[in-house]
C-alpha cells in the first residue's frame, strides 16, 4: 500500500532545503514515479533512465514546492513533464523490449497474450499527439478523473475532456482495425 501525504515531510521542511526531508520525500515517491512512468511510457529499455531523470527533476523542484496541491500531485506533474521528453526519444521502428511481468497464478499463454496486447496498445499510443496520449494515460490507465488529470497537466477540465474524447476515439479506431486485438477480444468474450 502506498504511503499517504501525511507521511511526507512538511512543505516547510522541503522548502528549507532540509536534505533529510528531501531524501524521505524522494524515497516515498519513487515507487509511484516508477509506476507512473511505466504506465505512460510502456515497457521500454530507457525506463530506468526516465525514472532517474524524474527523480532528479523532483529533487530540484521539491524545494520550490508551495503546497498548493498535494506532494503527489506535484510529483506527478513533474513526472508527466519528464514523460513528454521521452515520448519522442524512441524511433517508431524500434522494437519494444518487454519487461517480464511479476510472477502470479496466470498461465503463461495468458501472460504472453497480455504482454502482446500491452505492446500493441503502447504502439497505438505512440501515434497520438502527446497531449492526447497523456490524457488517455492519466484517465484511462491511471484512473484519474478528467478534473484531476487537468490539474496534473495544467489545463482546464474541459480541455482535458476534449483531449480524452479524441484520444479514446483514435485508440478505439486503431485497436478495432488490429486483427490480433479483435481475436483477443473475441477469445476473452467467451
N, C-alpha and C. Protein backbone atom coordinates (compact mmCIF):
# COMPACT_ATOMS: atom_id res chain seq x y z
N UNK A 1 0.84 -1.18 0.00
CA UNK A 1 0.00 0.00 0.00
C UNK A 1 0.88 1.23 0.00
N UNK A 2 0.50 2.21 -0.80
CA UNK A 2 1.35 3.39 -0.89
C UNK A 2 1.13 4.30 0.30
N UNK A 3 2.18 5.04 0.69
CA UNK A 3 2.05 5.93 1.82
C UNK A 3 1.15 7.11 1.49
N UNK A 4 0.59 7.71 2.50
CA UNK A 4 -0.25 8.88 2.30
C UNK A 4 0.60 10.13 2.38
N UNK A 5 0.02 11.26 1.94
CA UNK A 5 0.76 12.51 2.01
C UNK A 5 1.10 12.88 3.45
N UNK A 6 0.36 12.33 4.42
CA UNK A 6 0.65 12.60 5.82
C UNK A 6 2.03 12.11 6.24
N UNK A 7 2.59 11.15 5.54
CA UNK A 7 3.91 10.63 5.86
C UNK A 7 5.01 11.39 5.14
N UNK A 8 4.62 12.31 4.29
CA UNK A 8 5.59 13.14 3.58
C UNK A 8 6.12 14.19 4.54
N UNK A 9 7.32 14.63 4.31
CA UNK A 9 7.84 15.74 5.12
C UNK A 9 6.98 16.98 4.89
N UNK A 10 7.04 17.91 5.81
CA UNK A 10 6.24 19.12 5.70
C UNK A 10 6.74 19.98 4.54
N UNK A 11 5.86 20.83 4.07
CA UNK A 11 6.21 21.76 3.00
C UNK A 11 7.35 22.66 3.47
N UNK A 12 7.29 23.10 4.72
CA UNK A 12 8.35 23.96 5.26
C UNK A 12 9.70 23.25 5.25
N UNK A 13 9.70 21.96 5.61
CA UNK A 13 10.96 21.20 5.61
C UNK A 13 11.51 21.07 4.19
N UNK A 14 10.63 20.82 3.23
CA UNK A 14 11.07 20.71 1.84
C UNK A 14 11.58 22.05 1.32
N UNK A 15 10.87 23.12 1.63
CA UNK A 15 11.26 24.44 1.15
C UNK A 15 12.55 24.95 1.80
N UNK A 16 12.81 24.48 3.01
CA UNK A 16 14.02 24.95 3.71
C UNK A 16 15.28 24.28 3.18
N UNK A 17 15.10 23.27 2.32
CA UNK A 17 16.27 22.58 1.78
C UNK A 17 16.80 21.50 2.70
N UNK A 18 16.00 21.08 3.68
CA UNK A 18 16.39 20.02 4.60
C UNK A 18 16.68 18.74 3.79
N UNK A 19 17.92 18.34 3.79
CA UNK A 19 18.35 17.18 2.99
C UNK A 19 17.62 15.91 3.40
N UNK A 20 17.44 15.70 4.68
CA UNK A 20 16.76 14.51 5.17
C UNK A 20 15.29 14.49 4.70
N UNK A 21 14.64 15.65 4.73
CA UNK A 21 13.25 15.74 4.27
C UNK A 21 13.16 15.44 2.77
N UNK A 22 14.10 15.95 2.00
CA UNK A 22 14.13 15.70 0.56
C UNK A 22 14.33 14.21 0.28
N UNK A 23 15.28 13.60 0.97
CA UNK A 23 15.53 12.16 0.79
C UNK A 23 14.30 11.33 1.16
N UNK A 24 13.64 11.69 2.24
CA UNK A 24 12.43 10.97 2.66
C UNK A 24 11.34 11.11 1.61
N UNK A 25 11.14 12.32 1.11
CA UNK A 25 10.11 12.55 0.08
C UNK A 25 10.42 11.74 -1.18
N UNK A 26 11.67 11.76 -1.62
CA UNK A 26 12.04 11.02 -2.83
C UNK A 26 11.87 9.51 -2.62
N UNK A 27 12.21 9.03 -1.45
CA UNK A 27 12.07 7.60 -1.15
C UNK A 27 10.58 7.20 -1.16
N UNK A 28 9.73 8.06 -0.62
CA UNK A 28 8.29 7.79 -0.60
C UNK A 28 7.68 7.86 -2.00
N UNK A 29 8.18 8.77 -2.83
CA UNK A 29 7.61 8.99 -4.15
C UNK A 29 8.14 8.04 -5.22
N UNK A 30 9.31 7.48 -5.01
CA UNK A 30 9.97 6.67 -6.03
C UNK A 30 9.10 5.55 -6.60
N UNK A 31 8.41 4.75 -5.79
CA UNK A 31 7.56 3.69 -6.38
C UNK A 31 6.44 4.26 -7.25
N UNK A 32 5.86 5.37 -6.82
CA UNK A 32 4.81 5.99 -7.62
C UNK A 32 5.37 6.51 -8.94
N UNK A 33 6.51 7.18 -8.88
CA UNK A 33 7.13 7.72 -10.09
C UNK A 33 7.42 6.60 -11.07
N UNK A 34 7.96 5.52 -10.59
CA UNK A 34 8.27 4.36 -11.45
C UNK A 34 6.99 3.82 -12.09
N UNK A 35 5.95 3.65 -11.29
CA UNK A 35 4.69 3.12 -11.81
C UNK A 35 4.08 4.08 -12.83
N UNK A 36 4.07 5.36 -12.53
CA UNK A 36 3.52 6.35 -13.47
C UNK A 36 4.26 6.30 -14.79
N UNK A 37 5.58 6.28 -14.72
CA UNK A 37 6.37 6.27 -15.95
C UNK A 37 6.14 4.99 -16.74
N UNK A 38 6.06 3.86 -16.05
CA UNK A 38 5.83 2.59 -16.75
C UNK A 38 4.50 2.64 -17.47
N UNK A 39 3.50 3.20 -16.84
CA UNK A 39 2.19 3.27 -17.47
C UNK A 39 2.16 4.30 -18.60
N UNK A 40 2.91 5.38 -18.48
CA UNK A 40 2.91 6.41 -19.51
C UNK A 40 3.77 6.03 -20.71
N UNK A 41 4.92 5.43 -20.43
CA UNK A 41 5.88 5.15 -21.50
C UNK A 41 5.81 3.71 -21.99
N UNK A 42 5.28 2.82 -21.18
CA UNK A 42 5.24 1.42 -21.56
C UNK A 42 6.56 0.73 -21.26
N UNK A 43 6.59 -0.56 -21.52
CA UNK A 43 7.84 -1.30 -21.27
C UNK A 43 8.86 -0.94 -22.34
N UNK A 44 9.93 -0.32 -21.93
CA UNK A 44 10.96 0.11 -22.88
C UNK A 44 12.32 0.12 -22.20
N UNK A 45 13.36 0.01 -22.99
CA UNK A 45 14.71 -0.10 -22.40
C UNK A 45 15.17 1.12 -21.63
N UNK A 46 14.65 2.31 -21.95
CA UNK A 46 15.12 3.51 -21.26
C UNK A 46 14.22 3.92 -20.10
N UNK A 47 13.40 3.00 -19.60
CA UNK A 47 12.51 3.30 -18.48
C UNK A 47 13.30 3.69 -17.23
N UNK A 48 14.40 3.00 -16.97
CA UNK A 48 15.23 3.34 -15.81
C UNK A 48 15.82 4.74 -15.94
N UNK A 49 16.21 5.11 -17.17
CA UNK A 49 16.73 6.46 -17.39
C UNK A 49 15.65 7.51 -17.12
N UNK A 50 14.44 7.24 -17.61
CA UNK A 50 13.33 8.17 -17.38
C UNK A 50 13.04 8.29 -15.89
N UNK A 51 13.08 7.16 -15.19
CA UNK A 51 12.84 7.17 -13.74
C UNK A 51 13.89 8.04 -13.04
N UNK A 52 15.14 7.85 -13.41
CA UNK A 52 16.22 8.63 -12.81
C UNK A 52 16.06 10.12 -13.12
N UNK A 53 15.72 10.44 -14.38
CA UNK A 53 15.51 11.84 -14.76
C UNK A 53 14.37 12.46 -13.96
N UNK A 54 13.31 11.70 -13.76
CA UNK A 54 12.17 12.21 -13.00
C UNK A 54 12.56 12.47 -11.55
N UNK A 55 13.32 11.57 -10.95
CA UNK A 55 13.74 11.76 -9.56
C UNK A 55 14.69 12.95 -9.42
N UNK A 56 15.57 13.14 -10.39
CA UNK A 56 16.46 14.31 -10.38
C UNK A 56 15.64 15.59 -10.51
N UNK A 57 14.67 15.58 -11.43
CA UNK A 57 13.81 16.75 -11.60
C UNK A 57 13.02 17.03 -10.32
N UNK A 58 12.55 15.98 -9.67
CA UNK A 58 11.84 16.15 -8.40
C UNK A 58 12.75 16.72 -7.32
N UNK A 59 13.98 16.22 -7.25
CA UNK A 59 14.92 16.72 -6.24
C UNK A 59 15.18 18.21 -6.43
N UNK A 60 15.21 18.65 -7.68
CA UNK A 60 15.42 20.07 -7.96
C UNK A 60 14.15 20.89 -7.69
N UNK A 61 12.98 20.28 -7.94
CA UNK A 61 11.73 21.03 -7.86
C UNK A 61 11.12 21.06 -6.45
N UNK A 62 11.32 20.02 -5.65
CA UNK A 62 10.67 19.96 -4.34
C UNK A 62 10.99 21.16 -3.43
N UNK A 63 12.20 21.69 -3.45
CA UNK A 63 12.45 22.88 -2.61
C UNK A 63 11.65 24.11 -3.03
N UNK A 64 11.07 24.08 -4.24
CA UNK A 64 10.24 25.21 -4.68
C UNK A 64 8.75 24.93 -4.50
N UNK A 65 8.41 23.76 -3.98
CA UNK A 65 7.01 23.36 -3.80
C UNK A 65 6.33 24.33 -2.85
N UNK A 66 5.19 24.88 -3.29
CA UNK A 66 4.49 25.88 -2.50
C UNK A 66 3.32 25.32 -1.70
N UNK A 67 2.97 24.07 -1.91
CA UNK A 67 1.91 23.46 -1.13
C UNK A 67 0.51 23.74 -1.62
N UNK A 68 0.37 24.20 -2.86
CA UNK A 68 -0.97 24.48 -3.40
C UNK A 68 -1.72 23.21 -3.79
N UNK A 69 -1.01 22.11 -3.87
CA UNK A 69 -1.61 20.80 -4.16
C UNK A 69 -0.91 19.80 -3.24
N UNK A 70 -1.26 18.53 -3.39
CA UNK A 70 -0.55 17.53 -2.59
C UNK A 70 0.84 17.32 -3.18
N UNK A 71 1.73 16.78 -2.40
CA UNK A 71 3.08 16.49 -2.88
C UNK A 71 3.01 15.48 -4.03
N UNK A 72 2.10 14.51 -3.94
CA UNK A 72 1.97 13.52 -5.01
C UNK A 72 1.47 14.15 -6.32
N UNK A 73 0.55 15.08 -6.23
CA UNK A 73 0.09 15.77 -7.44
C UNK A 73 1.24 16.55 -8.06
N UNK A 74 2.00 17.24 -7.23
CA UNK A 74 3.16 17.98 -7.70
C UNK A 74 4.17 17.03 -8.35
N UNK A 75 4.42 15.89 -7.70
CA UNK A 75 5.36 14.90 -8.23
C UNK A 75 4.87 14.32 -9.55
N UNK A 76 3.57 14.07 -9.64
CA UNK A 76 3.02 13.53 -10.88
C UNK A 76 3.18 14.54 -12.01
N UNK A 77 2.98 15.82 -11.70
CA UNK A 77 3.14 16.86 -12.72
C UNK A 77 4.58 16.87 -13.24
N UNK A 78 5.54 16.77 -12.36
CA UNK A 78 6.96 16.73 -12.77
C UNK A 78 7.21 15.47 -13.60
N UNK A 79 6.67 14.34 -13.16
CA UNK A 79 6.86 13.07 -13.87
C UNK A 79 6.24 13.13 -15.27
N UNK A 80 5.09 13.76 -15.39
CA UNK A 80 4.46 13.92 -16.71
C UNK A 80 5.37 14.72 -17.63
N UNK A 81 5.98 15.77 -17.13
CA UNK A 81 6.90 16.57 -17.96
C UNK A 81 8.08 15.73 -18.44
N UNK A 82 8.60 14.89 -17.57
CA UNK A 82 9.70 14.01 -17.98
C UNK A 82 9.21 13.02 -19.04
N UNK A 83 8.02 12.46 -18.84
CA UNK A 83 7.46 11.51 -19.82
C UNK A 83 7.32 12.16 -21.19
N UNK A 84 6.89 13.42 -21.24
CA UNK A 84 6.77 14.12 -22.51
C UNK A 84 8.12 14.13 -23.25
N UNK A 85 9.19 14.35 -22.51
CA UNK A 85 10.52 14.37 -23.15
C UNK A 85 10.87 13.00 -23.74
N UNK A 86 10.38 11.94 -23.11
CA UNK A 86 10.70 10.59 -23.58
C UNK A 86 9.77 10.10 -24.68
N UNK A 87 8.63 10.74 -24.88
CA UNK A 87 7.69 10.28 -25.91
C UNK A 87 8.37 10.20 -27.27
N UNK A 88 9.12 11.20 -27.62
CA UNK A 88 9.73 11.23 -28.95
C UNK A 88 11.10 10.60 -29.05
N UNK A 89 11.64 10.10 -27.96
CA UNK A 89 13.01 9.59 -27.98
C UNK A 89 13.17 8.27 -28.72
N UNK A 90 12.19 7.42 -28.66
CA UNK A 90 12.33 6.12 -29.30
C UNK A 90 11.79 6.19 -30.72
N UNK A 91 12.54 5.66 -31.65
CA UNK A 91 12.08 5.61 -33.02
C UNK A 91 10.93 4.64 -33.13
N UNK A 92 9.99 4.96 -33.99
CA UNK A 92 8.80 4.12 -34.12
C UNK A 92 9.14 2.71 -34.59
N UNK A 93 10.21 2.56 -35.35
CA UNK A 93 10.56 1.24 -35.87
C UNK A 93 11.21 0.37 -34.80
N UNK A 94 11.71 0.99 -33.76
CA UNK A 94 12.44 0.26 -32.72
C UNK A 94 11.49 -0.69 -31.99
N UNK A 95 11.91 -1.91 -31.84
CA UNK A 95 11.08 -2.90 -31.15
C UNK A 95 11.06 -2.60 -29.65
N UNK A 96 9.95 -2.89 -29.04
CA UNK A 96 9.83 -2.71 -27.60
C UNK A 96 10.55 -3.85 -26.88
N UNK A 97 11.27 -3.51 -25.86
CA UNK A 97 11.85 -4.53 -25.00
C UNK A 97 10.84 -4.81 -23.91
N UNK A 98 10.37 -6.01 -23.84
CA UNK A 98 9.33 -6.35 -22.87
C UNK A 98 9.92 -6.57 -21.49
N UNK A 99 9.29 -6.00 -20.52
CA UNK A 99 9.68 -6.19 -19.13
C UNK A 99 8.87 -7.38 -18.62
N UNK A 100 9.53 -8.38 -18.03
CA UNK A 100 8.78 -9.55 -17.59
C UNK A 100 7.75 -9.19 -16.52
N UNK A 101 6.56 -9.78 -16.62
CA UNK A 101 5.52 -9.48 -15.63
C UNK A 101 5.86 -10.12 -14.29
N UNK A 102 5.26 -9.61 -13.23
CA UNK A 102 5.51 -10.23 -11.93
C UNK A 102 4.92 -11.64 -11.91
N UNK A 103 5.56 -12.55 -11.19
CA UNK A 103 5.04 -13.92 -11.14
C UNK A 103 3.67 -13.94 -10.46
N UNK A 104 2.76 -14.69 -11.02
CA UNK A 104 1.44 -14.82 -10.43
C UNK A 104 0.82 -16.13 -10.91
N UNK A 105 -0.46 -16.28 -10.66
CA UNK A 105 -1.12 -17.54 -10.97
C UNK A 105 -1.63 -17.62 -12.40
N UNK A 106 -1.45 -16.58 -13.21
CA UNK A 106 -1.95 -16.59 -14.58
C UNK A 106 -1.07 -17.51 -15.41
N UNK A 107 -1.73 -18.28 -16.28
CA UNK A 107 -0.97 -19.23 -17.10
C UNK A 107 -0.07 -18.48 -18.10
N UNK A 108 1.02 -19.11 -18.55
CA UNK A 108 1.99 -18.46 -19.43
C UNK A 108 1.38 -17.95 -20.74
N UNK A 109 0.43 -18.68 -21.31
CA UNK A 109 -0.17 -18.24 -22.57
C UNK A 109 -0.93 -16.92 -22.36
N UNK A 110 -1.67 -16.82 -21.28
CA UNK A 110 -2.42 -15.59 -21.00
C UNK A 110 -1.47 -14.42 -20.74
N UNK A 111 -0.37 -14.67 -20.03
CA UNK A 111 0.60 -13.60 -19.79
C UNK A 111 1.21 -13.13 -21.09
N UNK A 112 1.53 -14.06 -21.98
CA UNK A 112 2.10 -13.69 -23.28
C UNK A 112 1.11 -12.86 -24.08
N UNK A 113 -0.16 -13.24 -24.04
CA UNK A 113 -1.19 -12.50 -24.76
C UNK A 113 -1.35 -11.10 -24.16
N UNK A 114 -1.29 -11.00 -22.83
CA UNK A 114 -1.40 -9.70 -22.18
C UNK A 114 -0.23 -8.80 -22.56
N UNK A 115 0.97 -9.35 -22.60
CA UNK A 115 2.15 -8.57 -22.99
C UNK A 115 2.01 -8.08 -24.42
N UNK A 116 1.54 -8.94 -25.31
CA UNK A 116 1.37 -8.55 -26.70
C UNK A 116 0.29 -7.46 -26.82
N UNK A 117 -0.80 -7.59 -26.08
CA UNK A 117 -1.85 -6.57 -26.11
C UNK A 117 -1.31 -5.24 -25.59
N UNK A 118 -0.53 -5.28 -24.52
CA UNK A 118 0.07 -4.06 -23.97
C UNK A 118 1.03 -3.44 -24.99
N UNK A 119 1.82 -4.27 -25.65
CA UNK A 119 2.75 -3.77 -26.66
C UNK A 119 2.00 -3.06 -27.78
N UNK A 120 0.91 -3.67 -28.22
CA UNK A 120 0.12 -3.07 -29.30
C UNK A 120 -0.58 -1.79 -28.85
N UNK A 121 -1.04 -1.75 -27.61
CA UNK A 121 -1.65 -0.53 -27.09
C UNK A 121 -0.63 0.60 -27.06
N UNK A 122 0.56 0.32 -26.55
CA UNK A 122 1.58 1.37 -26.48
C UNK A 122 2.01 1.81 -27.88
N UNK A 123 2.07 0.89 -28.81
CA UNK A 123 2.40 1.27 -30.18
C UNK A 123 1.31 2.18 -30.74
N UNK A 124 0.07 1.87 -30.44
CA UNK A 124 -1.07 2.70 -30.87
C UNK A 124 -0.96 4.09 -30.23
N UNK A 125 -0.61 4.15 -28.97
CA UNK A 125 -0.50 5.43 -28.27
C UNK A 125 0.63 6.30 -28.82
N UNK A 126 1.66 5.67 -29.37
CA UNK A 126 2.78 6.43 -29.93
C UNK A 126 2.34 7.32 -31.09
N UNK A 127 1.25 6.93 -31.77
CA UNK A 127 0.78 7.70 -32.91
C UNK A 127 -0.07 8.91 -32.51
N UNK A 128 -0.48 8.98 -31.26
CA UNK A 128 -1.31 10.10 -30.79
C UNK A 128 -0.44 11.33 -30.51
N UNK A 129 -1.01 12.51 -30.69
CA UNK A 129 -0.29 13.71 -30.24
C UNK A 129 -0.02 13.61 -28.74
N UNK A 130 1.10 14.14 -28.27
CA UNK A 130 1.47 13.97 -26.85
C UNK A 130 0.39 14.38 -25.84
N UNK A 131 -0.34 15.47 -26.09
CA UNK A 131 -1.33 15.89 -25.09
C UNK A 131 -2.50 14.91 -25.04
N UNK A 132 -2.88 14.32 -26.16
CA UNK A 132 -3.95 13.32 -26.16
C UNK A 132 -3.47 12.02 -25.55
N UNK A 133 -2.24 11.65 -25.84
CA UNK A 133 -1.66 10.43 -25.25
C UNK A 133 -1.66 10.55 -23.74
N UNK A 134 -1.23 11.71 -23.23
CA UNK A 134 -1.17 11.90 -21.78
C UNK A 134 -2.57 11.88 -21.19
N UNK A 135 -3.55 12.47 -21.88
CA UNK A 135 -4.93 12.45 -21.39
C UNK A 135 -5.42 11.01 -21.27
N UNK A 136 -5.15 10.20 -22.28
CA UNK A 136 -5.56 8.79 -22.25
C UNK A 136 -4.87 8.06 -21.10
N UNK A 137 -3.57 8.27 -20.97
CA UNK A 137 -2.81 7.58 -19.93
C UNK A 137 -3.25 7.98 -18.52
N UNK A 138 -3.42 9.27 -18.30
CA UNK A 138 -3.80 9.72 -16.96
C UNK A 138 -5.21 9.27 -16.58
N UNK A 139 -6.14 9.32 -17.54
CA UNK A 139 -7.54 8.98 -17.22
C UNK A 139 -7.85 7.50 -17.38
N UNK A 140 -7.42 6.89 -18.47
CA UNK A 140 -7.79 5.50 -18.75
C UNK A 140 -6.85 4.48 -18.12
N UNK A 141 -5.61 4.84 -17.96
CA UNK A 141 -4.65 3.89 -17.37
C UNK A 141 -4.46 4.17 -15.89
N UNK A 142 -4.23 5.43 -15.54
CA UNK A 142 -4.01 5.79 -14.14
C UNK A 142 -5.31 5.90 -13.35
N UNK A 143 -6.43 6.09 -14.04
CA UNK A 143 -7.72 6.15 -13.37
C UNK A 143 -8.08 7.51 -12.77
N UNK A 144 -7.40 8.56 -13.20
CA UNK A 144 -7.73 9.89 -12.70
C UNK A 144 -9.00 10.40 -13.36
N UNK A 145 -9.74 11.21 -12.65
CA UNK A 145 -10.88 11.91 -13.23
C UNK A 145 -10.31 13.01 -14.13
N UNK A 146 -11.04 13.41 -15.18
CA UNK A 146 -10.52 14.49 -16.04
C UNK A 146 -10.15 15.76 -15.27
N UNK A 147 -10.89 16.08 -14.22
CA UNK A 147 -10.57 17.25 -13.39
C UNK A 147 -9.19 17.09 -12.75
N UNK A 148 -8.91 15.89 -12.23
CA UNK A 148 -7.61 15.64 -11.59
C UNK A 148 -6.49 15.64 -12.63
N UNK A 149 -6.75 15.02 -13.78
CA UNK A 149 -5.75 14.99 -14.85
C UNK A 149 -5.46 16.39 -15.36
N UNK A 150 -6.48 17.24 -15.41
CA UNK A 150 -6.29 18.62 -15.84
C UNK A 150 -5.37 19.36 -14.87
N UNK A 151 -5.52 19.09 -13.59
CA UNK A 151 -4.65 19.73 -12.60
C UNK A 151 -3.19 19.29 -12.80
N UNK A 152 -3.00 18.01 -13.08
CA UNK A 152 -1.65 17.49 -13.32
C UNK A 152 -1.05 18.12 -14.58
N UNK A 153 -1.86 18.22 -15.63
CA UNK A 153 -1.40 18.74 -16.91
C UNK A 153 -1.34 20.26 -16.97
N UNK A 154 -2.04 20.93 -16.04
CA UNK A 154 -2.04 22.39 -16.06
C UNK A 154 -2.94 22.96 -17.15
N UNK A 155 -4.06 22.29 -17.40
CA UNK A 155 -5.02 22.77 -18.39
C UNK A 155 -6.41 22.79 -17.75
N UNK A 156 -7.39 23.26 -18.49
CA UNK A 156 -8.75 23.30 -17.94
C UNK A 156 -9.38 21.91 -18.00
N UNK A 157 -10.33 21.62 -17.12
CA UNK A 157 -11.02 20.33 -17.18
C UNK A 157 -11.71 20.09 -18.52
N UNK A 158 -12.25 21.15 -19.14
CA UNK A 158 -12.89 20.99 -20.44
C UNK A 158 -11.87 20.61 -21.52
N UNK A 159 -10.70 21.22 -21.48
CA UNK A 159 -9.65 20.86 -22.44
C UNK A 159 -9.25 19.39 -22.25
N UNK A 160 -9.15 18.96 -20.99
CA UNK A 160 -8.79 17.57 -20.71
C UNK A 160 -9.86 16.62 -21.24
N UNK A 161 -11.13 16.95 -21.03
CA UNK A 161 -12.22 16.10 -21.52
C UNK A 161 -12.18 16.00 -23.05
N UNK A 162 -11.89 17.10 -23.72
CA UNK A 162 -11.80 17.10 -25.18
C UNK A 162 -10.64 16.22 -25.64
N UNK A 163 -9.48 16.40 -25.02
CA UNK A 163 -8.32 15.57 -25.37
C UNK A 163 -8.63 14.10 -25.16
N UNK A 164 -9.26 13.80 -24.04
CA UNK A 164 -9.58 12.42 -23.71
C UNK A 164 -10.57 11.83 -24.71
N UNK A 165 -11.56 12.59 -25.09
CA UNK A 165 -12.55 12.11 -26.06
C UNK A 165 -11.88 11.79 -27.39
N UNK A 166 -11.03 12.68 -27.87
CA UNK A 166 -10.32 12.44 -29.12
C UNK A 166 -9.38 11.24 -29.01
N UNK A 167 -8.70 11.14 -27.87
CA UNK A 167 -7.77 10.02 -27.67
C UNK A 167 -8.50 8.70 -27.65
N UNK A 168 -9.60 8.62 -26.91
CA UNK A 168 -10.37 7.38 -26.85
C UNK A 168 -10.86 6.95 -28.23
N UNK A 169 -11.36 7.92 -29.00
CA UNK A 169 -11.85 7.61 -30.34
C UNK A 169 -10.73 7.08 -31.23
N UNK A 170 -9.57 7.72 -31.17
CA UNK A 170 -8.44 7.29 -32.00
C UNK A 170 -7.94 5.91 -31.58
N UNK A 171 -7.85 5.67 -30.28
CA UNK A 171 -7.39 4.36 -29.79
C UNK A 171 -8.39 3.28 -30.18
N UNK A 172 -9.66 3.55 -29.98
CA UNK A 172 -10.69 2.56 -30.33
C UNK A 172 -10.65 2.23 -31.82
N UNK A 173 -10.49 3.26 -32.65
CA UNK A 173 -10.42 3.03 -34.09
C UNK A 173 -9.21 2.19 -34.48
N UNK A 174 -8.07 2.53 -33.92
CA UNK A 174 -6.84 1.80 -34.27
C UNK A 174 -6.88 0.36 -33.77
N UNK A 175 -7.34 0.18 -32.54
CA UNK A 175 -7.37 -1.17 -31.99
C UNK A 175 -8.45 -2.03 -32.66
N UNK A 176 -9.54 -1.41 -33.10
CA UNK A 176 -10.60 -2.16 -33.78
C UNK A 176 -10.12 -2.70 -35.12
N UNK A 177 -9.16 -2.01 -35.72
CA UNK A 177 -8.65 -2.48 -37.01
C UNK A 177 -7.47 -3.44 -36.86
N UNK A 178 -7.06 -3.73 -35.64
CA UNK A 178 -5.95 -4.65 -35.39
C UNK A 178 -6.49 -6.07 -35.27
N UNK A 179 -6.13 -6.96 -36.19
CA UNK A 179 -6.68 -8.32 -36.16
C UNK A 179 -6.35 -9.09 -34.87
N UNK A 180 -5.17 -8.85 -34.32
CA UNK A 180 -4.80 -9.54 -33.08
C UNK A 180 -5.72 -9.12 -31.94
N UNK A 181 -5.97 -7.81 -31.83
CA UNK A 181 -6.81 -7.31 -30.75
C UNK A 181 -8.26 -7.77 -30.93
N UNK A 182 -8.73 -7.85 -32.16
CA UNK A 182 -10.08 -8.38 -32.41
C UNK A 182 -10.18 -9.81 -31.92
N UNK A 183 -9.18 -10.62 -32.30
CA UNK A 183 -9.20 -12.03 -31.90
C UNK A 183 -9.11 -12.17 -30.38
N UNK A 184 -8.30 -11.34 -29.75
CA UNK A 184 -8.16 -11.38 -28.30
C UNK A 184 -9.48 -11.01 -27.62
N UNK A 185 -10.15 -9.99 -28.12
CA UNK A 185 -11.44 -9.59 -27.54
C UNK A 185 -12.47 -10.68 -27.70
N UNK A 186 -12.49 -11.33 -28.85
CA UNK A 186 -13.43 -12.42 -29.06
C UNK A 186 -13.14 -13.59 -28.13
N UNK A 187 -11.87 -13.91 -27.98
CA UNK A 187 -11.48 -15.02 -27.13
C UNK A 187 -11.88 -14.76 -25.66
N UNK A 188 -11.66 -13.54 -25.21
CA UNK A 188 -11.98 -13.20 -23.83
C UNK A 188 -13.48 -13.04 -23.61
N UNK A 189 -14.21 -12.78 -24.70
CA UNK A 189 -15.65 -12.60 -24.58
C UNK A 189 -16.39 -13.91 -24.39
N UNK A 190 -15.72 -15.00 -24.60
CA UNK A 190 -16.37 -16.33 -24.44
C UNK A 190 -16.66 -16.66 -23.02
